[in-house]
Amino acid sequence: MKNLSIHKVIAALFLFVSLSVATSCGDDDAPVPGGNGEVYDDYEGLTVGVVEEGEEGLVSFAPGTSFGVFVFADITSYAVANANAHLVVRDETASRAGLSLAGGAGICGYSPYNENWSEINVAGDLPFGIAADQRADSVLLANDLMIAPLAAIADGKATLRFSRVMARVNIRITDKTGKYDLNDVEVCLPSRSSGVMVNLLSGNARTVAGMEMDINACVFGNGTDVVEADAVLPPDTVEAGSTLFTFSVGGNTFSYIVSGDEVWESGKRYTYSLELAETGLTFVGSQVDGWESGNEDTEIVASEADAL
């Protein structure tokens, strides 16, 4: 996507599956032939993009992003004409497509592509689980589930508007004491929700109650006195008195405990800033933005927390 940070995200089933990446070849203007599940990177008539908070219109996918679509011959019975066609974005605009929509009545989609969804009941709810170990950038990328609900096909053309299902949690810690080396710090979010049920036709998603794991965040941009970490998780409420994250450094373990409920919503980035002071870990503040940082409509979140 344009303005993409080092974290470009997307995900898998309750049993985490690997993202398959396809490459294009041949004549740039020739559609790739095939049937259900085959890879297309030149698909005439289909426009795709992401609905991002704070952005007007659709935001483009990053080149190489893969997604699956279901084309319906009829949108009353949901008779499938092409199931789980594998599409790959090859340029920044992502407005060209080659999978023919002629004769189709409707289309829906999701990203990242999952070959295991070729035989699904597309009208039913599907389980999707994030990976617990998100320390690798590629794994973090594989947790960003996006859904484009059913859209009409008119005159062989359609637009798929993808929305993010997950929330993004960003943690920033600065050492003000000069006593610690934060280069090798690992950040853990304990007992967090890890699964959702999604419906491709409606785009609806709900977090699965009682499905929890300890999530190891992806650490980046860290140095001797600063560390920053990201995790992608289902929408959730972190209840007052719960530990949001922990990390260890210099033989000490520090925790961030929220004193009020923290509500994480789909498609939003929640940033928590803290400092290591002589008295321990000190809460500085938090804010909520669109998925990519730097949106002008940043909303300051009133939140108090206990840091230990």
Protein backbone atom coordinates (compact mmCIF):
# COMPACT_ATOMS: atom_id res chain seq x y z
CA MET A 1 0.00 0.00 0.00
CA LYS A 2 1.18 3.52 -0.56
CA ASN A 3 2.99 5.04 2.39
CA LEU A 4 3.61 1.45 3.54
CA SER A 5 5.79 1.11 6.64
CA ILE A 6 8.18 -1.78 7.19
CA HIS A 7 5.16 -3.65 8.49
CA LYS A 8 2.75 -4.67 5.73
CA VAL A 9 0.46 -7.19 7.26
CA ILE A 10 -1.82 -10.22 6.58
CA ALA A 11 -2.90 -13.73 8.02
CA ALA A 12 -4.04 -17.41 8.14
CA LEU A 13 -6.45 -20.03 9.62
CA PHE A 14 -6.61 -21.23 13.25
CA LEU A 15 -3.83 -23.55 12.10
CA PHE A 16 -1.47 -20.91 10.80
CA VAL A 17 -0.68 -21.47 7.13
CA SER A 18 2.09 -20.07 5.01
CA LEU A 19 1.40 -17.23 2.64
CA SER A 20 2.07 -18.32 -0.94
CA VAL A 21 3.65 -15.73 -3.16
CA ALA A 22 3.18 -15.85 -6.93
CA THR A 23 5.14 -14.12 -9.67
CA SER A 24 4.00 -13.02 -13.10
CA CYS A 25 5.49 -13.87 -16.47
CA GLY A 26 4.81 -13.45 -20.17
CA ASP A 27 3.09 -10.66 -22.05
CA ASP A 28 2.09 -7.86 -19.67
CA ASP A 29 -1.21 -7.36 -21.48
CA ALA A 30 -2.19 -11.02 -21.76
CA PRO A 31 -4.58 -12.42 -19.13
CA VAL A 32 -3.37 -15.53 -17.36
CA PRO A 33 -5.66 -18.44 -18.27
CA GLY A 34 -6.96 -20.81 -15.67
CA GLY A 35 -9.76 -21.95 -13.42
CA ASN A 36 -10.43 -22.08 -9.72
CA GLY A 37 -7.38 -21.43 -7.59
CA GLU A 38 -5.04 -20.50 -10.45
CA VAL A 39 -2.92 -17.37 -10.25
CA TYR A 40 -3.87 -14.20 -12.13
CA ASP A 41 -1.91 -10.98 -12.24
CA ASP A 42 -3.63 -9.24 -15.14
CA TYR A 43 -7.36 -9.07 -14.51
CA GLU A 44 -9.49 -6.85 -16.68
CA GLY A 45 -12.33 -4.88 -15.10
CA LEU A 46 -11.60 -5.37 -11.40
CA THR A 47 -10.48 -2.49 -9.18
CA VAL A 48 -9.20 -3.26 -5.69
CA GLY A 49 -8.09 -1.11 -2.76
CA VAL A 50 -8.16 -0.71 1.00
CA VAL A 51 -10.47 1.48 3.05
CA GLU A 52 -8.16 3.32 5.48
CA GLU A 53 -9.24 5.64 8.28
CA GLY A 54 -8.20 9.22 7.55
CA GLU A 55 -7.69 8.53 3.83
CA GLU A 56 -10.03 9.60 1.05
CA GLY A 57 -10.93 6.92 -1.47
CA LEU A 58 -9.17 3.58 -1.65
CA VAL A 59 -5.52 3.09 -0.71
CA SER A 60 -3.54 0.95 -3.15
CA PHE A 61 -2.18 -2.45 -2.27
CA ALA A 62 1.58 -2.89 -2.28
CA PRO A 63 2.94 -4.72 -5.35
CA GLY A 64 3.16 -8.44 -4.64
CA THR A 65 0.13 -8.52 -2.32
CA SER A 66 -1.91 -11.66 -2.91
CA PHE A 67 -5.62 -12.10 -2.41
CA GLY A 68 -8.42 -14.50 -3.26
CA VAL A 69 -11.78 -13.77 -4.88
CA PHE A 70 -15.03 -15.65 -5.36
CA VAL A 71 -17.08 -14.80 -8.45
CA PHE A 72 -20.80 -15.62 -8.32
CA ALA A 73 -23.01 -16.46 -11.26
CA ASP A 74 -26.01 -15.58 -9.10
CA ILE A 75 -26.12 -13.49 -5.92
CA THR A 76 -29.39 -14.94 -4.69
CA SER A 77 -28.29 -18.56 -4.48
CA TYR A 78 -24.58 -17.66 -4.28
CA ALA A 79 -23.82 -20.08 -7.09
CA VAL A 80 -20.03 -19.87 -7.48
CA ALA A 81 -18.64 -19.37 -10.99
CA ASN A 82 -14.99 -19.15 -9.89
CA ALA A 83 -13.90 -20.19 -6.40
CA ASN A 84 -10.87 -18.75 -4.62
CA ALA A 85 -9.14 -17.36 -7.70
CA HIS A 86 -5.63 -16.32 -6.66
CA LEU A 87 -4.83 -12.73 -7.65
CA VAL A 88 -1.54 -10.85 -7.28
CA VAL A 89 -1.14 -7.07 -7.38
CA ARG A 90 1.62 -6.14 -9.78
CA ASP A 91 1.57 -2.35 -9.88
CA GLU A 92 0.84 0.40 -7.39
CA THR A 93 -2.56 1.34 -8.75
CA ALA A 94 -3.94 -2.22 -8.64
CA SER A 95 -6.74 -1.02 -10.90
CA ARG A 96 -6.08 -3.48 -13.73
CA ALA A 97 -7.21 -7.06 -13.62
CA GLY A 98 -7.45 -10.05 -16.04
CA LEU A 99 -9.71 -12.62 -14.43
CA SER A 100 -12.79 -12.17 -16.59
CA LEU A 101 -15.87 -10.90 -14.78
CA ALA A 102 -18.05 -11.26 -17.87
CA GLY A 103 -21.23 -13.17 -17.02
CA GLY A 104 -20.66 -12.79 -13.29
CA ALA A 105 -23.25 -11.17 -11.02
CA GLY A 106 -21.19 -10.56 -7.88
CA ILE A 107 -17.74 -10.88 -6.33
CA CYS A 108 -16.14 -10.89 -2.87
CA GLY A 109 -12.54 -11.19 -1.74
CA TYR A 110 -10.04 -11.46 1.09
CA SER A 111 -6.31 -11.08 1.67
CA PRO A 112 -3.86 -12.75 2.14
CA TYR A 113 -4.58 -15.63 -0.21
CA ASN A 114 -5.18 -19.01 1.46
CA GLU A 115 -5.27 -22.10 -0.74
CA ASN A 116 -7.15 -23.98 1.99
CA TRP A 117 -10.21 -21.81 1.37
CA SER A 118 -10.88 -23.25 -2.09
CA GLU A 119 -13.45 -25.75 -0.80
CA ILE A 120 -15.16 -23.58 1.80
CA ASN A 121 -18.83 -22.76 2.14
CA VAL A 122 -18.46 -19.12 1.16
CA ALA A 123 -21.82 -18.22 2.74
CA GLY A 124 -20.72 -19.50 6.16
CA ASP A 125 -18.43 -18.11 8.85
CA LEU A 126 -14.74 -18.99 8.57
CA PRO A 127 -12.16 -19.36 11.37
CA PHE A 128 -8.99 -17.29 11.16
CA GLY A 129 -6.20 -17.34 13.74
CA ILE A 130 -3.16 -15.12 14.15
CA ALA A 131 0.33 -16.43 14.82
CA ALA A 132 1.54 -16.22 18.42
CA ASP A 133 5.17 -15.59 17.43
CA GLN A 134 5.15 -12.38 15.41
CA ARG A 135 8.83 -11.57 15.90
CA ALA A 136 9.57 -12.08 12.20
CA ASP A 137 8.41 -9.27 9.92
CA SER A 138 6.94 -11.73 7.42
CA VAL A 139 4.83 -13.37 10.12
CA LEU A 140 3.52 -10.01 11.28
CA LEU A 141 2.58 -9.38 7.65
CA ALA A 142 0.66 -12.63 7.54
CA ASN A 143 -1.75 -11.62 10.31
CA ASP A 144 -3.35 -8.61 8.60
CA LEU A 145 -6.61 -10.16 7.43
CA MET A 146 -8.64 -7.98 5.06
CA ILE A 147 -12.14 -8.67 3.72
CA ALA A 148 -13.93 -7.16 0.71
CA PRO A 149 -17.65 -8.02 1.04
CA LEU A 150 -19.96 -8.93 -1.81
CA ALA A 151 -19.99 -6.32 -4.59
CA ALA A 152 -22.08 -6.25 -7.73
CA ILE A 153 -20.56 -6.87 -11.15
CA ALA A 154 -21.96 -4.54 -13.81
CA ASP A 155 -20.92 -4.71 -17.48
CA GLY A 156 -18.00 -6.96 -16.55
CA LYS A 157 -16.61 -4.49 -14.00
CA ALA A 158 -16.51 -4.37 -10.19
CA THR A 159 -14.71 -2.71 -7.29
CA LEU A 160 -13.60 -4.62 -4.20
CA ARG A 161 -13.25 -2.42 -1.11
CA PHE A 162 -11.09 -4.23 1.44
CA SER A 163 -11.33 -3.43 5.14
CA ARG A 164 -8.98 -4.62 7.86
CA VAL A 165 -10.30 -7.06 10.44
CA MET A 166 -7.45 -6.78 12.94
CA ALA A 167 -6.14 -4.05 15.26
CA ARG A 168 -2.48 -2.97 15.36
CA VAL A 169 -0.76 -2.36 18.71
CA ASN A 170 2.44 -0.32 18.77
CA ILE A 171 4.65 -0.09 21.88
CA ARG A 172 7.43 2.47 22.31
CA ILE A 173 9.83 2.37 25.27
CA THR A 174 12.62 4.88 25.95
CA ASP A 175 15.32 4.42 28.59
CA LYS A 176 15.92 7.71 30.42
CA THR A 177 18.30 6.24 32.98
CA GLY A 178 21.21 5.29 30.72
CA LYS A 179 21.46 2.00 32.63
CA TYR A 180 19.92 -0.39 30.11
CA ASP A 181 20.70 -1.70 26.64
CA LEU A 182 17.40 -2.18 24.80
CA ASN A 183 18.93 -3.75 21.69
CA ASP A 184 17.89 -7.31 22.52
CA VAL A 185 14.59 -6.64 24.30
CA GLU A 186 11.62 -8.86 23.45
CA VAL A 187 8.08 -7.66 24.08
CA CYS A 188 5.24 -10.04 25.02
CA LEU A 189 1.51 -9.36 25.17
CA PRO A 190 0.23 -12.08 27.54
CA SER A 191 -3.11 -13.90 27.23
CA ARG A 192 -4.45 -11.95 24.27
CA SER A 193 -7.30 -13.03 21.98
CA SER A 194 -5.98 -14.82 18.91
CA GLY A 195 -8.89 -15.91 16.70
CA VAL A 196 -11.83 -14.48 14.76
CA MET A 197 -14.77 -15.79 12.75
CA VAL A 198 -15.27 -13.93 9.48
CA ASN A 199 -17.91 -13.89 6.75
CA LEU A 200 -16.66 -13.10 3.26
CA LEU A 201 -20.07 -12.08 1.92
CA SER A 202 -20.92 -9.54 4.60
CA GLY A 203 -17.42 -8.63 5.76
CA ASN A 204 -18.55 -9.18 9.36
CA ALA A 205 -16.06 -10.48 11.90
CA ARG A 206 -16.22 -11.39 15.58
CA THR A 207 -13.47 -12.21 18.02
CA VAL A 208 -13.63 -15.75 19.41
CA ALA A 209 -14.09 -15.69 23.17
CA GLY A 210 -11.70 -17.80 25.21
CA MET A 211 -9.17 -18.32 22.43
CA GLU A 212 -6.03 -16.71 23.88
CA MET A 213 -2.26 -16.90 23.49
CA ASP A 214 0.84 -15.04 24.61
CA ILE A 215 1.82 -12.89 21.62
CA ASN A 216 5.49 -12.13 20.94
CA ALA A 217 5.62 -8.74 19.20
CA CYS A 218 7.80 -7.77 16.25
CA VAL A 219 10.61 -5.53 17.52
CA PHE A 220 12.08 -2.96 15.13
CA GLY A 221 13.86 0.38 15.14
CA ASN A 222 15.45 -0.44 18.46
CA GLY A 223 18.72 0.89 19.81
CA THR A 224 20.56 1.18 23.08
CA ASP A 225 18.01 3.55 24.62
CA VAL A 226 14.84 2.99 22.61
CA VAL A 227 12.75 0.04 21.47
CA GLU A 228 9.60 -0.10 19.37
CA ALA A 229 7.40 -3.14 18.79
CA ASP A 230 4.26 -3.98 16.81
CA ALA A 231 1.67 -6.74 17.11
CA VAL A 232 -1.43 -7.47 15.03
CA LEU A 233 -4.36 -8.82 17.04
CA PRO A 234 -8.12 -9.35 16.83
CA PRO A 235 -10.38 -6.52 17.99
CA ASP A 236 -10.57 -6.83 21.76
CA THR A 237 -11.01 -5.16 25.12
CA VAL A 238 -8.10 -5.24 27.55
CA GLU A 239 -9.86 -5.04 30.89
CA ALA A 240 -8.77 -2.78 33.71
CA GLY A 241 -6.11 -4.42 35.87
CA SER A 242 -4.82 -6.59 33.00
CA THR A 243 -1.19 -6.70 31.89
CA LEU A 244 -0.97 -5.28 28.38
CA PHE A 245 2.68 -6.18 27.84
CA THR A 246 5.88 -7.25 29.59
CA PHE A 247 9.57 -7.08 28.75
CA SER A 248 12.83 -7.93 30.51
CA VAL A 249 16.13 -6.04 30.48
CA GLY A 250 19.16 -5.93 32.78
CA GLY A 251 17.81 -8.73 34.92
CA ASN A 252 14.57 -6.84 35.58
CA THR A 253 11.08 -7.57 34.26
CA PHE A 254 8.76 -4.64 33.61
CA SER A 255 4.99 -4.72 33.06
CA TYR A 256 2.40 -2.26 31.77
CA ILE A 257 -0.92 -2.72 33.57
CA VAL A 258 -3.96 -0.78 32.42
CA SER A 259 -6.12 0.82 35.09
CA GLY A 260 -9.03 1.40 32.71
CA ASP A 261 -10.47 -0.67 29.87
CA GLU A 262 -8.58 -0.39 26.57
CA VAL A 263 -10.76 -1.07 23.51
CA TRP A 264 -9.04 -2.10 20.27
CA GLU A 265 -11.07 -1.71 17.07
CA SER A 266 -10.52 -3.10 13.58
CA GLY A 267 -8.26 -1.13 11.27
CA LYS A 268 -6.81 1.16 13.94
CA ARG A 269 -3.29 1.51 15.33
CA TYR A 270 -2.93 1.94 19.10
CA THR A 271 0.37 3.43 20.26
CA TYR A 272 1.56 3.23 23.87
CA SER A 273 4.59 5.30 24.92
CA LEU A 274 6.52 4.60 28.12
CA GLU A 275 9.84 5.55 29.69
CA LEU A 276 12.26 3.69 31.89
CA ALA A 277 12.99 6.09 34.77
CA GLU A 278 14.87 5.72 38.05
CA THR A 279 11.55 4.86 39.69
CA GLY A 280 10.72 2.18 37.12
CA LEU A 281 8.54 2.08 34.02
CA THR A 282 6.56 5.30 33.59
CA PHE A 283 3.50 5.68 31.35
CA VAL A 284 3.86 8.70 29.03
CA GLY A 285 0.73 8.54 26.90
CA SER A 286 -1.20 6.74 24.17
CA GLN A 287 -2.90 7.61 20.92
CA VAL A 288 -4.95 6.01 18.17
CA ASP A 289 -4.35 6.54 14.43
CA GLY A 290 -5.18 4.92 11.16
CA TRP A 291 -3.29 1.69 10.42
CA GLU A 292 -0.29 3.54 9.01
CA SER A 293 1.17 6.10 11.41
CA GLY A 294 1.24 9.80 10.66
CA ASN A 295 -2.43 10.38 9.86
CA GLU A 296 -3.47 13.97 10.48
CA ASP A 297 -6.59 12.93 12.38
CA THR A 298 -4.70 11.46 15.33
CA GLU A 299 -6.98 11.11 18.32
CA ILE A 300 -5.45 11.35 21.77
CA VAL A 301 -6.72 8.51 23.94
CA ALA A 302 -7.38 9.39 27.56
CA SER A 303 -5.90 6.46 29.41
CA GLU A 304 -4.24 5.99 32.74
CA ALA A 305 -2.12 2.96 33.54
CA ASP A 306 0.13 1.51 36.17
CA ALA A 307 3.68 0.67 35.13
CA LEU A 308 5.75 -1.67 37.23
